[in-house]
Amino acid sequence: MRRVLFALTLAPLALGACTLEGMPADPKQPRIEQIGTCFLYVTEEGNGKYSVTSGVGDGSRNPLGTVKRGLSAESTDALWAKERAIMDINPECLAIYATDRTQARPAPAPAPVETAKK
């Protein structure tokens, strides 16, 4: 019984430590899966290149968005500023989730490709 109570106590703490893009630690902040939340975030690709993802939440866990890849730091900042300014006047944006290049996370590593054995 103690083990069960211990596990039930630690599970929320462990899950709370995990954060995904678009999932802020504060539950009152906008999340990209919320309908009407405009999102804009930067991902670091490596070798000084970045990608910018933008879109509008449609209620799904992974809403569709536009991704522009292989951008330099200057191009990333310029695109981010342009898209962010549009969000301020877009009536479709009921809330805004935006992180810039200084908050960029590394892109996830691609899944290993399994080859068929001969």
PDB file of N, CA and C in Angstrom:
ATOM      1  N   MET A   1       0.820  -1.186   0.000  1.00  0.00           N
ATOM      2  CA  MET A   1       0.000   0.000   0.000  1.00  0.00           C
ATOM      3  C   MET A   1       0.872   1.261   0.000  1.00  0.00           C
ATOM      4  N   ARG A   2       1.977   1.195   0.745  1.00  0.00           N
ATOM      5  CA  ARG A   2       2.874   2.345   0.788  1.00  0.00           C
ATOM      6  C   ARG A   2       3.455   2.644  -0.583  1.00  0.00           C
ATOM      7  N   ARG A   3       3.784   1.576  -1.319  1.00  0.00           N
ATOM      8  CA  ARG A   3       4.367   1.766  -2.647  1.00  0.00           C
ATOM      9  C   ARG A   3       3.377   2.440  -3.583  1.00  0.00           C
ATOM     10  N   VAL A   4       2.124   2.067  -3.482  1.00  0.00           N
ATOM     11  CA  VAL A   4       1.099   2.661  -4.333  1.00  0.00           C
ATOM     12  C   VAL A   4       0.942   4.144  -4.002  1.00  0.00           C
ATOM     13  N   LEU A   5       0.864   4.467  -2.721  1.00  0.00           N
ATOM     14  CA  LEU A   5       0.736   5.861  -2.317  1.00  0.00           C
ATOM     15  C   LEU A   5       1.964   6.671  -2.724  1.00  0.00           C
ATOM     16  N   PHE A   6       3.124   6.061  -2.587  1.00  0.00           N
ATOM     17  CA  PHE A   6       4.363   6.721  -2.979  1.00  0.00           C
ATOM     18  C   PHE A   6       4.359   7.007  -4.481  1.00  0.00           C
ATOM     19  N   ALA A   7       3.952   6.017  -5.274  1.00  0.00           N
ATOM     20  CA  ALA A   7       3.905   6.178  -6.725  1.00  0.00           C
ATOM     21  C   ALA A   7       2.882   7.241  -7.121  1.00  0.00           C
ATOM     22  N   LEU A   8       1.740   7.253  -6.466  1.00  0.00           N
ATOM     23  CA  LEU A   8       0.709   8.237  -6.779  1.00  0.00           C
ATOM     24  C   LEU A   8       1.139   9.651  -6.402  1.00  0.00           C
ATOM     25  N   THR A   9       1.989   9.764  -5.411  1.00  0.00           N
ATOM     26  CA  THR A   9       2.488  11.066  -4.994  1.00  0.00           C
ATOM     27  C   THR A   9       3.553  11.572  -5.960  1.00  0.00           C
ATOM     28  N   LEU A  10       4.421  10.696  -6.430  1.00  0.00           N
ATOM     29  CA  LEU A  10       5.520  11.109  -7.303  1.00  0.00           C
ATOM     30  C   LEU A  10       5.124  11.249  -8.765  1.00  0.00           C
ATOM     31  N   ALA A  11       4.108  10.560  -9.217  1.00  0.00           N
ATOM     32  CA  ALA A  11       3.719  10.604 -10.635  1.00  0.00           C
ATOM     33  C   ALA A  11       3.401  12.022 -11.102  1.00  0.00           C
ATOM     34  N   PRO A  12       2.561  12.786 -10.390  1.00  0.00           N
ATOM     35  CA  PRO A  12       2.292  14.148 -10.862  1.00  0.00           C
ATOM     36  C   PRO A  12       3.538  15.030 -10.872  1.00  0.00           C
ATOM     37  N   LEU A  13       4.437  14.815  -9.938  1.00  0.00           N
ATOM     38  CA  LEU A  13       5.670  15.598  -9.911  1.00  0.00           C
ATOM     39  C   LEU A  13       6.542  15.277 -11.117  1.00  0.00           C
ATOM     40  N   ALA A  14       6.648  14.018 -11.448  1.00  0.00           N
ATOM     41  CA  ALA A  14       7.457  13.608 -12.595  1.00  0.00           C
ATOM     42  C   ALA A  14       6.849  14.114 -13.891  1.00  0.00           C
ATOM     43  N   LEU A  15       5.546  14.015 -14.029  1.00  0.00           N
ATOM     44  CA  LEU A  15       4.887  14.492 -15.235  1.00  0.00           C
ATOM     45  C   LEU A  15       4.937  16.011 -15.335  1.00  0.00           C
ATOM     46  N   GLY A  16       4.889  16.686 -14.217  1.00  0.00           N
ATOM     47  CA  GLY A  16       4.953  18.144 -14.213  1.00  0.00           C
ATOM     48  C   GLY A  16       6.304  18.669 -14.661  1.00  0.00           C
ATOM     49  N   ALA A  17       7.326  17.871 -14.515  1.00  0.00           N
ATOM     50  CA  ALA A  17       8.663  18.291 -14.922  1.00  0.00           C
ATOM     51  C   ALA A  17       8.843  18.225 -16.436  1.00  0.00           C
ATOM     52  N   CYS A  18       8.014  17.446 -17.111  1.00  0.00           N
ATOM     53  CA  CYS A  18       8.102  17.320 -18.562  1.00  0.00           C
ATOM     54  C   CYS A  18       7.357  18.475 -19.222  1.00  0.00           C
ATOM     55  N   THR A  19       8.011  19.117 -20.170  1.00  0.00           N
ATOM     56  CA  THR A  19       7.328  20.168 -20.922  1.00  0.00           C
ATOM     57  C   THR A  19       7.517  19.903 -22.402  1.00  0.00           C
ATOM     58  N   LEU A  20       6.484  20.129 -23.159  1.00  0.00           N
ATOM     59  CA  LEU A  20       6.525  20.006 -24.604  1.00  0.00           C
ATOM     60  C   LEU A  20       6.409  21.389 -25.199  1.00  0.00           C
ATOM     61  N   GLU A  21       6.793  21.523 -26.441  1.00  0.00           N
ATOM     62  CA  GLU A  21       6.628  22.814 -27.114  1.00  0.00           C
ATOM     63  C   GLU A  21       5.156  23.145 -27.146  1.00  0.00           C
ATOM     64  N   GLY A  22       4.835  24.348 -26.740  1.00  0.00           N
ATOM     65  CA  GLY A  22       3.444  24.768 -26.715  1.00  0.00           C
ATOM     66  C   GLY A  22       2.708  24.387 -25.458  1.00  0.00           C
ATOM     67  N   MET A  23       3.394  23.786 -24.519  1.00  0.00           N
ATOM     68  CA  MET A  23       2.787  23.368 -23.264  1.00  0.00           C
ATOM     69  C   MET A  23       3.484  24.097 -22.127  1.00  0.00           C
ATOM     70  N   PRO A  24       3.068  25.324 -21.822  1.00  0.00           N
ATOM     71  CA  PRO A  24       3.742  26.080 -20.764  1.00  0.00           C
ATOM     72  C   PRO A  24       3.513  25.455 -19.393  1.00  0.00           C
ATOM     73  N   ALA A  25       4.423  25.730 -18.487  1.00  0.00           N
ATOM     74  CA  ALA A  25       4.309  25.198 -17.132  1.00  0.00           C
ATOM     75  C   ALA A  25       3.094  25.766 -16.411  1.00  0.00           C
ATOM     76  N   ASP A  26       2.738  27.003 -16.720  1.00  0.00           N
ATOM     77  CA  ASP A  26       1.578  27.648 -16.098  1.00  0.00           C
ATOM     78  C   ASP A  26       0.322  27.284 -16.885  1.00  0.00           C
ATOM     79  N   PRO A  27      -0.624  26.582 -16.276  1.00  0.00           N
ATOM     80  CA  PRO A  27      -1.809  26.140 -17.009  1.00  0.00           C
ATOM     81  C   PRO A  27      -2.706  27.288 -17.475  1.00  0.00           C
ATOM     82  N   LYS A  28      -2.504  28.497 -16.985  1.00  0.00           N
ATOM     83  CA  LYS A  28      -3.313  29.640 -17.403  1.00  0.00           C
ATOM     84  C   LYS A  28      -2.796  30.271 -18.697  1.00  0.00           C
ATOM     85  N   GLN A  29      -1.587  29.912 -19.103  1.00  0.00           N
ATOM     86  CA  GLN A  29      -1.000  30.463 -20.323  1.00  0.00           C
ATOM     87  C   GLN A  29      -1.577  29.772 -21.561  1.00  0.00           C
ATOM     88  N   PRO A  30      -1.569  30.449 -22.722  1.00  0.00           N
ATOM     89  CA  PRO A  30      -2.076  29.837 -23.956  1.00  0.00           C
ATOM     90  C   PRO A  30      -1.294  28.586 -24.328  1.00  0.00           C
ATOM     91  N   ARG A  31      -1.991  27.618 -24.910  1.00  0.00           N
ATOM     92  CA  ARG A  31      -1.376  26.371 -25.379  1.00  0.00           C
ATOM     93  C   ARG A  31      -1.731  26.193 -26.850  1.00  0.00           C
ATOM     94  N   ILE A  32      -0.829  25.623 -27.628  1.00  0.00           N
ATOM     95  CA  ILE A  32      -1.051  25.534 -29.069  1.00  0.00           C
ATOM     96  C   ILE A  32      -2.191  24.602 -29.441  1.00  0.00           C
ATOM     97  N   GLU A  33      -2.589  23.708 -28.558  1.00  0.00           N
ATOM     98  CA  GLU A  33      -3.702  22.823 -28.916  1.00  0.00           C
ATOM     99  C   GLU A  33      -5.070  23.461 -28.653  1.00  0.00           C
ATOM    100  N   GLN A  34      -5.088  24.630 -28.068  1.00  0.00           N
ATOM    101  CA  GLN A  34      -6.354  25.325 -27.830  1.00  0.00           C
ATOM    102  C   GLN A  34      -6.842  25.973 -29.122  1.00  0.00           C
ATOM    103  N   ILE A  35      -8.117  25.856 -29.391  1.00  0.00           N
ATOM    104  CA  ILE A  35      -8.700  26.467 -30.578  1.00  0.00           C
ATOM    105  C   ILE A  35      -8.513  27.986 -30.512  1.00  0.00           C
ATOM    106  N   GLY A  36      -7.997  28.558 -31.598  1.00  0.00           N
ATOM    107  CA  GLY A  36      -7.822  30.001 -31.683  1.00  0.00           C
ATOM    108  C   GLY A  36      -6.521  30.534 -31.123  1.00  0.00           C
ATOM    109  N   THR A  37      -5.645  29.669 -30.623  1.00  0.00           N
ATOM    110  CA  THR A  37      -4.346  30.131 -30.136  1.00  0.00           C
ATOM    111  C   THR A  37      -3.373  30.170 -31.306  1.00  0.00           C
ATOM    112  N   CYS A  38      -2.897  31.346 -31.644  1.00  0.00           N
ATOM    113  CA  CYS A  38      -1.877  31.482 -32.674  1.00  0.00           C
ATOM    114  C   CYS A  38      -0.539  31.127 -32.040  1.00  0.00           C
ATOM    115  N   PHE A  39       0.235  30.297 -32.739  1.00  0.00           N
ATOM    116  CA  PHE A  39       1.520  29.893 -32.182  1.00  0.00           C
ATOM    117  C   PHE A  39       2.639  30.204 -33.157  1.00  0.00           C
ATOM    118  N   LEU A  40       3.788  30.500 -32.568  1.00  0.00           N
ATOM    119  CA  LEU A  40       4.984  30.857 -33.319  1.00  0.00           C
ATOM    120  C   LEU A  40       6.175  30.473 -32.452  1.00  0.00           C
ATOM    121  N   TYR A  41       6.972  29.530 -32.936  1.00  0.00           N
ATOM    122  CA  TYR A  41       8.149  29.153 -32.158  1.00  0.00           C
ATOM    123  C   TYR A  41       9.308  28.788 -33.068  1.00  0.00           C
ATOM    124  N   VAL A  42      10.499  28.893 -32.508  1.00  0.00           N
ATOM    125  CA  VAL A  42      11.742  28.655 -33.235  1.00  0.00           C
ATOM    126  C   VAL A  42      12.381  27.385 -32.701  1.00  0.00           C
ATOM    127  N   THR A  43      12.906  26.580 -33.627  1.00  0.00           N
ATOM    128  CA  THR A  43      13.621  25.364 -33.271  1.00  0.00           C
ATOM    129  C   THR A  43      15.031  25.461 -33.832  1.00  0.00           C
ATOM    130  N   GLU A  44      16.012  25.088 -33.015  1.00  0.00           N
ATOM    131  CA  GLU A  44      17.407  25.118 -33.453  1.00  0.00           C
ATOM    132  C   GLU A  44      17.718  23.827 -34.199  1.00  0.00           C
ATOM    133  N   GLU A  45      18.162  23.948 -35.451  1.00  0.00           N
ATOM    134  CA  GLU A  45      18.483  22.777 -36.266  1.00  0.00           C
ATOM    135  C   GLU A  45      19.941  22.354 -36.117  1.00  0.00           C
ATOM    136  N   GLY A  46      20.786  23.256 -35.652  1.00  0.00           N
ATOM    137  CA  GLY A  46      22.220  22.981 -35.557  1.00  0.00           C
ATOM    138  C   GLY A  46      22.955  23.702 -36.678  1.00  0.00           C
ATOM    139  N   ASN A  47      24.259  23.805 -36.566  1.00  0.00           N
ATOM    140  CA  ASN A  47      25.104  24.488 -37.550  1.00  0.00           C
ATOM    141  C   ASN A  47      24.651  25.919 -37.822  1.00  0.00           C
ATOM    142  N   GLY A  48      24.100  26.589 -36.804  1.00  0.00           N
ATOM    143  CA  GLY A  48      23.685  27.973 -36.953  1.00  0.00           C
ATOM    144  C   GLY A  48      22.404  28.163 -37.747  1.00  0.00           C
ATOM    145  N   LYS A  49      21.648  27.099 -37.976  1.00  0.00           N
ATOM    146  CA  LYS A  49      20.401  27.170 -38.736  1.00  0.00           C
ATOM    147  C   LYS A  49      19.209  26.953 -37.811  1.00  0.00           C
ATOM    148  N   TYR A  50      18.087  27.569 -38.174  1.00  0.00           N
ATOM    149  CA  TYR A  50      16.877  27.502 -37.362  1.00  0.00           C
ATOM    150  C   TYR A  50      15.672  27.234 -38.246  1.00  0.00           C
ATOM    151  N   SER A  51      14.600  26.763 -37.628  1.00  0.00           N
ATOM    152  CA  SER A  51      13.318  26.657 -38.318  1.00  0.00           C
ATOM    153  C   SER A  51      12.282  27.427 -37.503  1.00  0.00           C
ATOM    154  N   VAL A  52      11.328  28.010 -38.219  1.00  0.00           N
ATOM    155  CA  VAL A  52      10.260  28.791 -37.595  1.00  0.00           C
ATOM    156  C   VAL A  52       8.941  28.102 -37.914  1.00  0.00           C
ATOM    157  N   THR A  53       8.164  27.792 -36.888  1.00  0.00           N
ATOM    158  CA  THR A  53       6.870  27.140 -37.043  1.00  0.00           C
ATOM    159  C   THR A  53       5.780  28.098 -36.591  1.00  0.00           C
ATOM    160  N   SER A  54       4.748  28.244 -37.419  1.00  0.00           N
ATOM    161  CA  SER A  54       3.640  29.123 -37.056  1.00  0.00           C
ATOM    162  C   SER A  54       2.326  28.509 -37.513  1.00  0.00           C
ATOM    163  N   GLY A  55       1.256  28.870 -36.818  1.00  0.00           N
ATOM    164  CA  GLY A  55      -0.065  28.365 -37.177  1.00  0.00           C
ATOM    165  C   GLY A  55      -1.092  28.788 -36.147  1.00  0.00           C
ATOM    166  N   VAL A  56      -2.280  28.190 -36.261  1.00  0.00           N
ATOM    167  CA  VAL A  56      -3.373  28.485 -35.346  1.00  0.00           C
ATOM    168  C   VAL A  56      -3.894  27.168 -34.795  1.00  0.00           C
ATOM    169  N   GLY A  57      -4.027  27.088 -33.470  1.00  0.00           N
ATOM    170  CA  GLY A  57      -4.525  25.882 -32.827  1.00  0.00           C
ATOM    171  C   GLY A  57      -5.938  25.559 -33.281  1.00  0.00           C
ATOM    172  N   ASP A  58      -6.180  24.263 -33.554  1.00  0.00           N
ATOM    173  CA  ASP A  58      -7.486  23.820 -34.029  1.00  0.00           C
ATOM    174  C   ASP A  58      -8.167  22.853 -33.066  1.00  0.00           C
ATOM    175  N   GLY A  59      -7.601  22.704 -31.889  1.00  0.00           N
ATOM    176  CA  GLY A  59      -8.176  21.806 -30.905  1.00  0.00           C
ATOM    177  C   GLY A  59      -7.510  20.437 -30.863  1.00  0.00           C
ATOM    178  N   SER A  60      -6.637  20.139 -31.844  1.00  0.00           N
ATOM    179  CA  SER A  60      -5.929  18.862 -31.844  1.00  0.00           C
ATOM    180  C   SER A  60      -4.624  18.985 -31.062  1.00  0.00           C
ATOM    181  N   ARG A  61      -4.081  17.858 -30.643  1.00  0.00           N
ATOM    182  CA  ARG A  61      -2.842  17.873 -29.850  1.00  0.00           C
ATOM    183  C   ARG A  61      -1.660  18.423 -30.644  1.00  0.00           C
ATOM    184  N   ASN A  62      -1.596  18.131 -31.925  1.00  0.00           N
ATOM    185  CA  ASN A  62      -0.522  18.621 -32.794  1.00  0.00           C
ATOM    186  C   ASN A  62      -1.130  19.347 -33.990  1.00  0.00           C
ATOM    187  N   PRO A  63      -1.517  20.612 -33.812  1.00  0.00           N
ATOM    188  CA  PRO A  63      -2.145  21.338 -34.919  1.00  0.00           C
ATOM    189  C   PRO A  63      -1.172  21.556 -36.076  1.00  0.00           C
ATOM    190  N   LEU A  64      -1.728  21.645 -37.264  1.00  0.00           N
ATOM    191  CA  LEU A  64      -0.906  21.889 -38.438  1.00  0.00           C
ATOM    192  C   LEU A  64      -0.381  23.314 -38.417  1.00  0.00           C
ATOM    193  N   GLY A  65       0.806  23.471 -38.945  1.00  0.00           N
ATOM    194  CA  GLY A  65       1.404  24.790 -39.015  1.00  0.00           C
ATOM    195  C   GLY A  65       2.356  24.858 -40.187  1.00  0.00           C
ATOM    196  N   THR A  66       2.836  26.035 -40.457  1.00  0.00           N
ATOM    197  CA  THR A  66       3.807  26.252 -41.522  1.00  0.00           C
ATOM    198  C   THR A  66       5.194  26.226 -40.907  1.00  0.00           C
ATOM    199  N   VAL A  67       6.099  25.462 -41.520  1.00  0.00           N
ATOM    200  CA  VAL A  67       7.474  25.365 -41.030  1.00  0.00           C
ATOM    201  C   VAL A  67       8.411  25.868 -42.114  1.00  0.00           C
ATOM    202  N   LYS A  68       9.252  26.817 -41.760  1.00  0.00           N
ATOM    203  CA  LYS A  68      10.284  27.306 -42.667  1.00  0.00           C
ATOM    204  C   LYS A  68      11.618  26.891 -42.072  1.00  0.00           C
ATOM    205  N   ARG A  69      12.390  26.112 -42.833  1.00  0.00           N
ATOM    206  CA  ARG A  69      13.622  25.505 -42.334  1.00  0.00           C
ATOM    207  C   ARG A  69      14.872  26.132 -42.953  1.00  0.00           C
ATOM    208  N   GLY A  70      16.002  25.879 -42.291  1.00  0.00           N
ATOM    209  CA  GLY A  70      17.297  26.286 -42.824  1.00  0.00           C
ATOM    210  C   GLY A  70      17.549  27.773 -42.816  1.00  0.00           C
ATOM    211  N   LEU A  71      16.976  28.487 -41.857  1.00  0.00           N
ATOM    212  CA  LEU A  71      17.126  29.939 -41.796  1.00  0.00           C
ATOM    213  C   LEU A  71      18.337  30.338 -40.958  1.00  0.00           C
ATOM    214  N   SER A  72      18.987  31.411 -41.378  1.00  0.00           N
ATOM    215  CA  SER A  72      20.083  31.971 -40.577  1.00  0.00           C
ATOM    216  C   SER A  72      19.473  32.684 -39.375  1.00  0.00           C
ATOM    217  N   ALA A  73      20.304  33.087 -38.435  1.00  0.00           N
ATOM    218  CA  ALA A  73      19.816  33.786 -37.243  1.00  0.00           C
ATOM    219  C   ALA A  73      19.114  35.091 -37.625  1.00  0.00           C
ATOM    220  N   GLU A  74      19.685  35.844 -38.557  1.00  0.00           N
ATOM    221  CA  GLU A  74      19.086  37.110 -38.969  1.00  0.00           C
ATOM    222  C   GLU A  74      17.740  36.888 -39.662  1.00  0.00           C
ATOM    223  N   SER A  75      17.683  35.907 -40.555  1.00  0.00           N
ATOM    224  CA  SER A  75      16.428  35.595 -41.258  1.00  0.00           C
ATOM    225  C   SER A  75      15.366  35.109 -40.277  1.00  0.00           C
ATOM    226  N   THR A  76      15.794  34.329 -39.302  1.00  0.00           N
ATOM    227  CA  THR A  76      14.866  33.824 -38.284  1.00  0.00           C
ATOM    228  C   THR A  76      14.261  34.973 -37.498  1.00  0.00           C
ATOM    229  N   ASP A  77      15.106  35.888 -37.047  1.00  0.00           N
ATOM    230  CA  ASP A  77      14.620  37.027 -36.264  1.00  0.00           C
ATOM    231  C   ASP A  77      13.680  37.906 -37.082  1.00  0.00           C
ATOM    232  N   ALA A  78      14.011  38.143 -38.358  1.00  0.00           N
ATOM    233  CA  ALA A  78      13.167  38.982 -39.220  1.00  0.00           C
ATOM    234  C   ALA A  78      11.811  38.315 -39.467  1.00  0.00           C
ATOM    235  N   LEU A  79      11.818  37.019 -39.769  1.00  0.00           N
ATOM    236  CA  LEU A  79      10.567  36.296 -40.002  1.00  0.00           C
ATOM    237  C   LEU A  79       9.731  36.249 -38.731  1.00  0.00           C
ATOM    238  N   TRP A  80      10.380  36.007 -37.608  1.00  0.00           N
ATOM    239  CA  TRP A  80       9.661  35.937 -36.324  1.00  0.00           C
ATOM    240  C   TRP A  80       8.984  37.280 -36.033  1.00  0.00           C
ATOM    241  N   ALA A  81       9.705  38.382 -36.223  1.00  0.00           N
ATOM    242  CA  ALA A  81       9.147  39.711 -35.951  1.00  0.00           C
ATOM    243  C   ALA A  81       7.953  40.000 -36.864  1.00  0.00           C
ATOM    244  N   LYS A  82       8.064  39.621 -38.131  1.00  0.00           N
ATOM    245  CA  LYS A  82       6.971  39.844 -39.084  1.00  0.00           C
ATOM    246  C   LYS A  82       5.732  39.037 -38.684  1.00  0.00           C
ATOM    247  N   GLU A  83       5.931  37.746 -38.408  1.00  0.00           N
ATOM    248  CA  GLU A  83       4.810  36.883 -38.029  1.00  0.00           C
ATOM    249  C   GLU A  83       4.179  37.321 -36.708  1.00  0.00           C
ATOM    250  N   ARG A  84       5.000  37.740 -35.775  1.00  0.00           N
ATOM    251  CA  ARG A  84       4.487  38.183 -34.465  1.00  0.00           C
ATOM    252  C   ARG A  84       3.648  39.448 -34.607  1.00  0.00           C
ATOM    253  N   ALA A  85       4.068  40.365 -35.471  1.00  0.00           N
ATOM    254  CA  ALA A  85       3.300  41.590 -35.702  1.00  0.00           C
ATOM    255  C   ALA A  85       1.941  41.273 -36.333  1.00  0.00           C
ATOM    256  N   ILE A  86       1.917  40.294 -37.231  1.00  0.00           N
ATOM    257  CA  ILE A  86       0.658  39.879 -37.857  1.00  0.00           C
ATOM    258  C   ILE A  86      -0.291  39.314 -36.811  1.00  0.00           C
ATOM    259  N   MET A  87       0.242  38.546 -35.870  1.00  0.00           N
ATOM    260  CA  MET A  87      -0.598  37.951 -34.818  1.00  0.00           C
ATOM    261  C   MET A  87      -1.314  39.013 -33.992  1.00  0.00           C
ATOM    262  N   ASP A  88      -0.655  40.152 -33.788  1.00  0.00           N
ATOM    263  CA  ASP A  88      -1.261  41.215 -32.981  1.00  0.00           C
ATOM    264  C   ASP A  88      -2.513  41.809 -33.624  1.00  0.00           C
ATOM    265  N   ILE A  89      -2.611  41.763 -34.947  1.00  0.00           N
ATOM    266  CA  ILE A  89      -3.769  42.350 -35.620  1.00  0.00           C
ATOM    267  C   ILE A  89      -4.717  41.306 -36.209  1.00  0.00           C
ATOM    268  N   ASN A  90      -4.341  40.043 -36.156  1.00  0.00           N
ATOM    269  CA  ASN A  90      -5.163  38.976 -36.733  1.00  0.00           C
ATOM    270  C   ASN A  90      -6.346  38.677 -35.815  1.00  0.00           C
ATOM    271  N   PRO A  91      -7.585  38.873 -36.295  1.00  0.00           N
ATOM    272  CA  PRO A  91      -8.751  38.607 -35.444  1.00  0.00           C
ATOM    273  C   PRO A  91      -8.939  37.118 -35.130  1.00  0.00           C
ATOM    274  N   GLU A  92      -8.264  36.249 -35.885  1.00  0.00           N
ATOM    275  CA  GLU A  92      -8.352  34.806 -35.647  1.00  0.00           C
ATOM    276  C   GLU A  92      -7.582  34.397 -34.385  1.00  0.00           C
ATOM    277  N   CYS A  93      -6.637  35.237 -33.956  1.00  0.00           N
ATOM    278  CA  CYS A  93      -5.795  34.933 -32.790  1.00  0.00           C
ATOM    279  C   CYS A  93      -6.527  35.330 -31.503  1.00  0.00           C
ATOM    280  N   LEU A  94      -7.117  34.356 -30.853  1.00  0.00           N
ATOM    281  CA  LEU A  94      -7.791  34.612 -29.582  1.00  0.00           C
ATOM    282  C   LEU A  94      -6.783  34.658 -28.438  1.00  0.00           C
ATOM    283  N   ALA A  95      -5.654  33.978 -28.623  1.00  0.00           N
ATOM    284  CA  ALA A  95      -4.545  33.973 -27.667  1.00  0.00           C
ATOM    285  C   ALA A  95      -3.277  33.779 -28.488  1.00  0.00           C
ATOM    286  N   ILE A  96      -2.129  34.103 -27.899  1.00  0.00           N
ATOM    287  CA  ILE A  96      -0.858  33.990 -28.624  1.00  0.00           C
ATOM    288  C   ILE A  96       0.159  33.246 -27.770  1.00  0.00           C
ATOM    289  N   TYR A  97       0.787  32.230 -28.391  1.00  0.00           N
ATOM    290  CA  TYR A  97       1.918  31.519 -27.797  1.00  0.00           C
ATOM    291  C   TYR A  97       3.093  31.745 -28.739  1.00  0.00           C
ATOM    292  N   ALA A  98       4.105  32.485 -28.299  1.00  0.00           N
ATOM    293  CA  ALA A  98       5.245  32.798 -29.164  1.00  0.00           C
ATOM    294  C   ALA A  98       6.540  32.742 -28.373  1.00  0.00           C
ATOM    295  N   THR A  99       7.506  31.995 -28.908  1.00  0.00           N
ATOM    296  CA  THR A  99       8.844  31.968 -28.327  1.00  0.00           C
ATOM    297  C   THR A  99       9.831  32.298 -29.438  1.00  0.00           C
ATOM    298  N   ASP A 100      10.807  33.142 -29.135  1.00  0.00           N
ATOM    299  CA  ASP A 100      11.748  33.593 -30.159  1.00  0.00           C
ATOM    300  C   ASP A 100      13.017  32.746 -30.175  1.00  0.00           C
ATOM    301  N   ARG A 101      13.988  33.198 -30.953  1.00  0.00           N
ATOM    302  CA  ARG A 101      15.222  32.435 -31.138  1.00  0.00           C
ATOM    303  C   ARG A 101      15.991  32.249 -29.836  1.00  0.00           C
ATOM    304  N   THR A 102      15.903  33.210 -28.914  1.00  0.00           N
ATOM    305  CA  THR A 102      16.630  33.081 -27.647  1.00  0.00           C
ATOM    306  C   THR A 102      16.059  31.955 -26.787  1.00  0.00           C
ATOM    307  N   GLN A 103      14.837  31.537 -27.076  1.00  0.00           N
ATOM    308  CA  GLN A 103      14.186  30.454 -26.330  1.00  0.00           C
ATOM    309  C   GLN A 103      14.111  29.172 -27.148  1.00  0.00           C
ATOM    310  N   ALA A 104      14.837  29.121 -28.269  1.00  0.00           N
ATOM    311  CA  ALA A 104      14.763  27.974 -29.183  1.00  0.00           C
ATOM    312  C   ALA A 104      15.263  26.706 -28.518  1.00  0.00           C
ATOM    313  N   ARG A 105      14.572  25.635 -28.815  1.00  0.00           N
ATOM    314  CA  ARG A 105      14.984  24.313 -28.349  1.00  0.00           C
ATOM    315  C   ARG A 105      15.606  23.568 -29.520  1.00  0.00           C
ATOM    316  N   PRO A 106      16.494  22.629 -29.240  1.00  0.00           N
ATOM    317  CA  PRO A 106      17.055  21.842 -30.333  1.00  0.00           C
ATOM    318  C   PRO A 106      15.967  20.991 -30.989  1.00  0.00           C
ATOM    319  N   ALA A 107      16.102  20.796 -32.294  1.00  0.00           N
ATOM    320  CA  ALA A 107      15.154  19.943 -33.011  1.00  0.00           C
ATOM    321  C   ALA A 107      15.324  18.516 -32.509  1.00  0.00           C
ATOM    322  N   PRO A 108      14.229  17.746 -32.426  1.00  0.00           N
ATOM    323  CA  PRO A 108      14.349  16.362 -31.976  1.00  0.00           C
ATOM    324  C   PRO A 108      15.157  15.539 -32.980  1.00  0.00           C
ATOM    325  N   ALA A 109      15.888  14.603 -32.468  1.00  0.00           N
ATOM    326  CA  ALA A 109      16.682  13.723 -33.337  1.00  0.00           C
ATOM    327  C   ALA A 109      15.746  12.847 -34.161  1.00  0.00           C
ATOM    328  N   PRO A 110      16.090  12.613 -35.426  1.00  0.00           N
ATOM    329  CA  PRO A 110      15.234  11.762 -36.243  1.00  0.00           C
ATOM    330  C   PRO A 110      15.254  10.325 -35.735  1.00  0.00           C
ATOM    331  N   ALA A 111      14.146   9.651 -35.920  1.00  0.00           N
ATOM    332  CA  ALA A 111      14.047   8.247 -35.488  1.00  0.00           C
ATOM    333  C   ALA A 111      14.981   7.400 -36.344  1.00  0.00           C
ATOM    334  N   PRO A 112      15.601   6.411 -35.736  1.00  0.00           N
ATOM    335  CA  PRO A 112      16.491   5.551 -36.520  1.00  0.00           C
ATOM    336  C   PRO A 112      15.695   4.782 -37.568  1.00  0.00           C
ATOM    337  N   VAL A 113      16.298   4.619 -38.731  1.00  0.00           N
ATOM    338  CA  VAL A 113      15.662   3.881 -39.811  1.00  0.00           C
ATOM    339  C   VAL A 113      16.093   2.433 -39.710  1.00  0.00           C
ATOM    340  N   GLU A 114      15.116   1.566 -39.656  1.00  0.00           N
ATOM    341  CA  GLU A 114      15.420   0.143 -39.543  1.00  0.00           C
ATOM    342  C   GLU A 114      15.453  -0.444 -40.946  1.00  0.00           C
ATOM    343  N   THR A 115      16.545  -1.119 -41.274  1.00  0.00           N
ATOM    344  CA  THR A 115      16.667  -1.721 -42.594  1.00  0.00           C
ATOM    345  C   THR A 115      16.333  -3.204 -42.502  1.00  0.00           C
ATOM    346  N   ALA A 116      15.809  -3.712 -43.577  1.00  0.00           N
ATOM    347  CA  ALA A 116      15.462  -5.147 -43.629  1.00  0.00           C
ATOM    348  C   ALA A 116      16.737  -5.961 -43.749  1.00  0.00           C
ATOM    349  N   LYS A 117      16.785  -7.051 -43.015  1.00  0.00           N
ATOM    350  CA  LYS A 117      17.947  -7.935 -43.091  1.00  0.00           C
ATOM    351  C   LYS A 117      17.772  -8.891 -44.242  1.00  0.00           C
ATOM    352  N   LYS A 118      18.873  -9.149 -44.911  1.00  0.00           N
ATOM    353  CA  LYS A 118      18.821 -10.047 -46.083  1.00  0.00           C
ATOM    354  C   LYS A 118      19.094 -11.467 -45.679  1.00  0.00           C
TER     355      LYS A 118
END
